[in-house]
C-alpha atoms as a PDB file:
ATOM      1  CA  UNK A   1       0.000   0.000   0.000  1.00  0.00           C
ATOM      2  CA  UNK A   2       1.318   3.407  -0.958  1.00  0.00           C
ATOM      3  CA  UNK A   3       0.022   5.789   1.704  1.00  0.00           C
ATOM      4  CA  UNK A   4       0.719   8.900  -0.412  1.00  0.00           C
ATOM      5  CA  UNK A   5      -1.407   7.508  -3.224  1.00  0.00           C
ATOM      6  CA  UNK A   6      -4.254   6.671  -0.854  1.00  0.00           C
ATOM      7  CA  UNK A   7      -4.095  10.161   0.658  1.00  0.00           C
ATOM      8  CA  UNK A   8      -4.309  11.557  -2.869  1.00  0.00           C
ATOM      9  CA  UNK A   9      -7.399   9.408  -3.458  1.00  0.00           C
ATOM     10  CA  UNK A  10      -8.992  10.577  -0.217  1.00  0.00           C
ATOM     11  CA  UNK A  11      -8.300  14.182  -1.177  1.00  0.00           C
ATOM     12  CA  UNK A  12      -9.854  13.593  -4.599  1.00  0.00           C
ATOM     13  CA  UNK A  13     -12.967  12.150  -2.966  1.00  0.00           C
ATOM     14  CA  UNK A  14     -13.315  15.222  -0.732  1.00  0.00           C
ATOM     15  CA  UNK A  15     -12.507  17.795  -3.415  1.00  0.00           C
ATOM     16  CA  UNK A  16     -14.457  16.191  -6.246  1.00  0.00           C
ATOM     17  CA  UNK A  17     -13.303  16.817  -9.798  1.00  0.00           C
ATOM     18  CA  UNK A  18     -15.411  15.578 -12.707  1.00  0.00           C
ATOM     19  CA  UNK A  19     -12.465  14.154 -14.695  1.00  0.00           C
ATOM     20  CA  UNK A  20     -11.121  12.244 -11.697  1.00  0.00           C
ATOM     21  CA  UNK A  21     -14.605  10.857 -11.013  1.00  0.00           C
ATOM     22  CA  UNK A  22     -14.860   9.611 -14.611  1.00  0.00           C
ATOM     23  CA  UNK A  23     -11.594   7.715 -14.171  1.00  0.00           C
ATOM     24  CA  UNK A  24     -12.686   6.427 -10.758  1.00  0.00           C
ATOM     25  CA  UNK A  25     -16.013   5.176 -12.119  1.00  0.00           C
ATOM     26  CA  UNK A  26     -14.330   3.270 -14.963  1.00  0.00           C
ATOM     27  CA  UNK A  27     -11.838   1.734 -12.551  1.00  0.00           C
ATOM     28  CA  UNK A  28     -14.544   0.803 -10.066  1.00  0.00           C
ATOM     29  CA  UNK A  29     -16.528  -0.994 -12.774  1.00  0.00           C
ATOM     30  CA  UNK A  30     -13.507  -3.250 -13.199  1.00  0.00           C
ATOM     31  CA  UNK A  31     -12.984  -3.650  -9.445  1.00  0.00           C
ATOM     32  CA  UNK A  32     -16.643  -4.515  -8.879  1.00  0.00           C
ATOM     33  CA  UNK A  33     -16.173  -7.869 -10.615  1.00  0.00           C
ATOM     34  CA  UNK A  34     -12.581  -8.516  -9.554  1.00  0.00           C
ATOM     35  CA  UNK A  35     -11.842 -11.786  -7.723  1.00  0.00           C
ATOM     36  CA  UNK A  36      -9.488  -9.848  -5.397  1.00  0.00           C
ATOM     37  CA  UNK A  37     -12.128  -7.319  -4.251  1.00  0.00           C
ATOM     38  CA  UNK A  38     -13.148  -7.974  -0.642  1.00  0.00           C
ATOM     39  CA  UNK A  39     -16.758  -7.103  -1.493  1.00  0.00           C
ATOM     40  CA  UNK A  40     -16.873 -10.249  -3.634  1.00  0.00           C
ATOM     41  CA  UNK A  41     -16.024 -12.626  -0.798  1.00  0.00           C
ATOM     42  CA  UNK A  42     -19.382 -14.411  -1.151  1.00  0.00           C
ATOM     43  CA  UNK A  43     -18.972 -14.928  -4.895  1.00  0.00           C
ATOM     44  CA  UNK A  44     -17.759 -18.267  -6.264  1.00  0.00           C
ATOM     45  CA  UNK A  45     -15.003 -16.520  -8.240  1.00  0.00           C
ATOM     46  CA  UNK A  46     -13.508 -14.808  -5.156  1.00  0.00           C
ATOM     47  CA  UNK A  47      -9.809 -15.582  -4.851  1.00  0.00           C
ATOM     48  CA  UNK A  48      -8.382 -13.576  -1.948  1.00  0.00           C
ATOM     49  CA  UNK A  49      -4.890 -12.193  -1.908  1.00  0.00           C
ATOM     50  CA  UNK A  50      -2.630 -12.091   1.134  1.00  0.00           C
ATOM     51  CA  UNK A  51      -4.196  -8.858   2.433  1.00  0.00           C
ATOM     52  CA  UNK A  52      -7.785 -10.063   2.616  1.00  0.00           C
ATOM     53  CA  UNK A  53      -9.299  -9.346   6.019  1.00  0.00           C
ATOM     54  CA  UNK A  54     -12.827 -10.639   6.650  1.00  0.00           C
ATOM     55  CA  UNK A  55     -13.401  -8.367   9.654  1.00  0.00           C
ATOM     56  CA  UNK A  56     -12.234  -5.204   7.922  1.00  0.00           C
ATOM     57  CA  UNK A  57     -15.366  -3.033   7.399  1.00  0.00           C
ATOM     58  CA  UNK A  58     -14.318  -1.310   4.159  1.00  0.00           C
ATOM     59  CA  UNK A  59     -14.161  -2.593   0.607  1.00  0.00           C
ATOM     60  CA  UNK A  60     -10.507  -3.241  -0.085  1.00  0.00           C
ATOM     61  CA  UNK A  61      -8.158  -4.850  -2.552  1.00  0.00           C
ATOM     62  CA  UNK A  62      -6.892  -8.073  -1.073  1.00  0.00           C
ATOM     63  CA  UNK A  63      -3.702  -7.863  -3.163  1.00  0.00           C
ATOM     64  CA  UNK A  64      -2.443  -4.496  -1.895  1.00  0.00           C
ATOM     65  CA  UNK A  65      -4.687  -3.785   1.137  1.00  0.00           C
ATOM     66  CA  UNK A  66      -5.864  -0.438  -0.291  1.00  0.00           C
ATOM     67  CA  UNK A  67      -9.331   0.946   0.329  1.00  0.00           C
ATOM     68  CA  UNK A  68     -10.888   0.827  -3.133  1.00  0.00           C
ATOM     69  CA  UNK A  69     -12.870   4.065  -2.793  1.00  0.00           C
ATOM     70  CA  UNK A  70      -9.572   5.929  -2.347  1.00  0.00           C
ATOM     71  CA  UNK A  71      -7.397   3.821  -4.661  1.00  0.00           C
ATOM     72  CA  UNK A  72      -9.575   4.283  -7.748  1.00  0.00           C
ATOM     73  CA  UNK A  73      -9.392   8.082  -7.204  1.00  0.00           C
ATOM     74  CA  UNK A  74      -5.600   8.198  -7.080  1.00  0.00           C
ATOM     75  CA  UNK A  75      -4.280   9.116 -10.521  1.00  0.00           C
ATOM     76  CA  UNK A  76      -0.863   7.787  -9.507  1.00  0.00           C
ATOM     77  CA  UNK A  77      -2.155   4.338  -8.548  1.00  0.00           C
ATOM     78  CA  UNK A  78      -2.292   1.266 -10.751  1.00  0.00           C
ATOM     79  CA  UNK A  79      -4.142  -1.983 -10.144  1.00  0.00           C
ATOM     80  CA  UNK A  80      -1.752  -4.504  -8.531  1.00  0.00           C
ATOM     81  CA  UNK A  81      -2.901  -7.268 -10.909  1.00  0.00           C
ATOM     82  CA  UNK A  82      -2.797  -5.050 -14.008  1.00  0.00           C
ATOM     83  CA  UNK A  83      -6.523  -4.502 -14.579  1.00  0.00           C
ATOM     84  CA  UNK A  84      -6.062  -0.730 -14.949  1.00  0.00           C
ATOM     85  CA  UNK A  85      -2.972   1.489 -15.239  1.00  0.00           C
ATOM     86  CA  UNK A  86      -1.831   4.577 -13.399  1.00  0.00           C
ATOM     87  CA  UNK A  87      -3.099   7.628 -15.255  1.00  0.00           C
ATOM     88  CA  UNK A  88      -0.070   9.747 -14.474  1.00  0.00           C
ATOM     89  CA  UNK A  89       3.261   9.921 -12.727  1.00  0.00           C
ATOM     90  CA  UNK A  90       3.311  11.878  -9.483  1.00  0.00           C
ATOM     91  CA  UNK A  91       4.553  14.982 -11.297  1.00  0.00           C
ATOM     92  CA  UNK A  92       1.941  14.673 -14.070  1.00  0.00           C
ATOM     93  CA  UNK A  93      -0.868  14.038 -11.571  1.00  0.00           C
ATOM     94  CA  UNK A  94       0.065  17.178  -9.630  1.00  0.00           C
ATOM     95  CA  UNK A  95      -0.046  19.248 -12.840  1.00  0.00           C
ATOM     96  CA  UNK A  96      -3.412  17.768 -13.837  1.00  0.00           C
ATOM     97  CA  UNK A  97      -4.954  18.386 -10.433  1.00  0.00           C
ATOM     98  CA  UNK A  98      -3.644  21.945 -10.215  1.00  0.00           C
ATOM     99  CA  UNK A  99      -5.052  22.734 -13.673  1.00  0.00           C
ATOM    100  CA  UNK A 100      -8.497  21.465 -12.597  1.00  0.00           C
ATOM    101  CA  UNK A 101      -8.650  23.860  -9.639  1.00  0.00           C
END
């Protein structure tokens, strides 16, 4: 888990930007059917990673332990199993976010 990336995602969920939300929605569509998503633990295709925690109350990626609401909103983050890429390097993401303000 990259804490800086998750903090970026949390910030993007507080200070909502339409373009970031479009990216987040596309990513979440992929995560919603992912066998590593903790929300899918009751599905027959669920295949937990080493960070799955059944008592954890949030929806998280069991491969990297990230909260999915925050992770999909981090432009610097990529899916740990390659389902979606990072949208930008840290420097590029900072430029994008500052131009949206």
